[in-house]
Amino acid sequence: MRKINTLTLQQKEARLAYWFVIPTFAIVFGLVVYPALYNIWIS
């Protein structure tokens, strides 16, 4: 038999929060961290 995925509301909200935070960190990395590291690399 197939296991039914029974997540609590708190677990669902935590998973949703990660989906909102991950793109934010990706944008911050792309706009701030990557150019700073590249600047160090080429100096």
N, C-alpha and C. Protein backbone atom coordinates (compact mmCIF):
# COMPACT_ATOMS: atom_id res chain seq x y z
N MET A 1 0.83 -1.20 0.00
CA MET A 1 0.00 0.00 0.00
C MET A 1 0.86 1.25 0.00
N ARG A 2 0.31 2.30 -0.52
CA ARG A 2 1.01 3.57 -0.60
C ARG A 2 0.84 4.35 0.69
N LYS A 3 1.96 4.91 1.15
CA LYS A 3 1.92 5.71 2.37
C LYS A 3 1.29 7.07 2.07
N ILE A 4 0.35 7.47 2.88
CA ILE A 4 -0.31 8.76 2.71
C ILE A 4 0.53 9.82 3.41
N ASN A 5 0.80 10.89 2.68
CA ASN A 5 1.61 11.99 3.22
C ASN A 5 0.74 12.82 4.17
N THR A 6 1.01 12.71 5.46
CA THR A 6 0.21 13.44 6.44
C THR A 6 1.09 14.44 7.15
N LEU A 7 1.19 15.62 6.56
CA LEU A 7 1.96 16.69 7.17
C LEU A 7 1.02 17.57 7.98
N THR A 8 1.53 18.03 9.09
CA THR A 8 0.75 18.96 9.89
C THR A 8 0.76 20.33 9.22
N LEU A 9 -0.12 21.19 9.66
CA LEU A 9 -0.18 22.54 9.10
C LEU A 9 1.13 23.27 9.33
N GLN A 10 1.73 23.06 10.48
CA GLN A 10 3.01 23.72 10.79
C GLN A 10 4.10 23.24 9.83
N GLN A 11 4.13 21.96 9.52
CA GLN A 11 5.12 21.43 8.59
C GLN A 11 4.89 21.96 7.18
N LYS A 12 3.63 22.08 6.77
CA LYS A 12 3.32 22.62 5.45
C LYS A 12 3.75 24.08 5.36
N GLU A 13 3.51 24.85 6.41
CA GLU A 13 3.91 26.25 6.41
C GLU A 13 5.42 26.39 6.40
N ALA A 14 6.12 25.51 7.11
CA ALA A 14 7.58 25.56 7.11
C ALA A 14 8.12 25.25 5.72
N ARG A 15 7.55 24.29 5.05
CA ARG A 15 7.98 23.95 3.69
C ARG A 15 7.70 25.11 2.75
N LEU A 16 6.56 25.75 2.88
CA LEU A 16 6.23 26.90 2.05
C LEU A 16 7.20 28.05 2.31
N ALA A 17 7.57 28.25 3.56
CA ALA A 17 8.51 29.31 3.90
C ALA A 17 9.85 29.09 3.21
N TYR A 18 10.31 27.85 3.15
CA TYR A 18 11.56 27.58 2.45
C TYR A 18 11.46 27.93 0.97
N TRP A 19 10.31 27.65 0.36
CA TRP A 19 10.14 27.97 -1.05
C TRP A 19 10.14 29.47 -1.30
N PHE A 20 9.77 30.27 -0.30
CA PHE A 20 9.84 31.72 -0.44
C PHE A 20 11.23 32.26 -0.15
N VAL A 21 11.95 31.63 0.75
CA VAL A 21 13.26 32.13 1.17
C VAL A 21 14.36 31.77 0.17
N ILE A 22 14.30 30.59 -0.41
CA ILE A 22 15.35 30.14 -1.32
C ILE A 22 15.56 31.08 -2.51
N PRO A 23 14.50 31.53 -3.21
CA PRO A 23 14.74 32.48 -4.31
C PRO A 23 15.32 33.81 -3.83
N THR A 24 14.93 34.23 -2.64
CA THR A 24 15.47 35.47 -2.09
C THR A 24 16.96 35.35 -1.88
N PHE A 25 17.41 34.25 -1.31
CA PHE A 25 18.85 34.05 -1.11
C PHE A 25 19.57 33.93 -2.45
N ALA A 26 18.94 33.33 -3.44
CA ALA A 26 19.56 33.22 -4.76
C ALA A 26 19.76 34.60 -5.38
N ILE A 27 18.77 35.47 -5.23
CA ILE A 27 18.89 36.83 -5.76
C ILE A 27 19.97 37.60 -5.03
N VAL A 28 20.00 37.49 -3.70
CA VAL A 28 21.03 38.18 -2.92
C VAL A 28 22.41 37.68 -3.32
N PHE A 29 22.55 36.38 -3.49
CA PHE A 29 23.83 35.82 -3.91
C PHE A 29 24.23 36.37 -5.27
N GLY A 30 23.29 36.41 -6.18
CA GLY A 30 23.60 36.88 -7.53
C GLY A 30 23.94 38.35 -7.60
N LEU A 31 23.33 39.16 -6.76
CA LEU A 31 23.54 40.61 -6.83
C LEU A 31 24.63 41.13 -5.91
N VAL A 32 24.96 40.39 -4.86
CA VAL A 32 25.92 40.89 -3.88
C VAL A 32 27.15 39.99 -3.77
N VAL A 33 26.95 38.75 -3.47
CA VAL A 33 28.06 37.86 -3.15
C VAL A 33 28.88 37.52 -4.39
N TYR A 34 28.23 37.17 -5.49
CA TYR A 34 28.97 36.78 -6.69
C TYR A 34 29.87 37.90 -7.21
N PRO A 35 29.39 39.14 -7.37
CA PRO A 35 30.31 40.19 -7.83
C PRO A 35 31.45 40.46 -6.85
N ALA A 36 31.18 40.36 -5.56
CA ALA A 36 32.25 40.57 -4.58
C ALA A 36 33.32 39.49 -4.71
N LEU A 37 32.90 38.25 -4.83
CA LEU A 37 33.87 37.16 -4.99
C LEU A 37 34.61 37.27 -6.32
N TYR A 38 33.91 37.67 -7.36
CA TYR A 38 34.55 37.83 -8.66
C TYR A 38 35.58 38.96 -8.62
N ASN A 39 35.27 40.02 -7.91
CA ASN A 39 36.19 41.14 -7.77
C ASN A 39 37.47 40.69 -7.05
N ILE A 40 37.33 39.88 -6.03
CA ILE A 40 38.50 39.34 -5.32
C ILE A 40 39.30 38.44 -6.26
N TRP A 41 38.59 37.65 -7.06
CA TRP A 41 39.25 36.71 -7.97
C TRP A 41 40.10 37.43 -9.01
N ILE A 42 39.59 38.53 -9.58
CA ILE A 42 40.32 39.20 -10.65
C ILE A 42 41.36 40.18 -10.13
N SER A 43 41.35 40.46 -8.84
CA SER A 43 42.32 41.43 -8.31
C SER A 43 43.68 40.80 -8.07
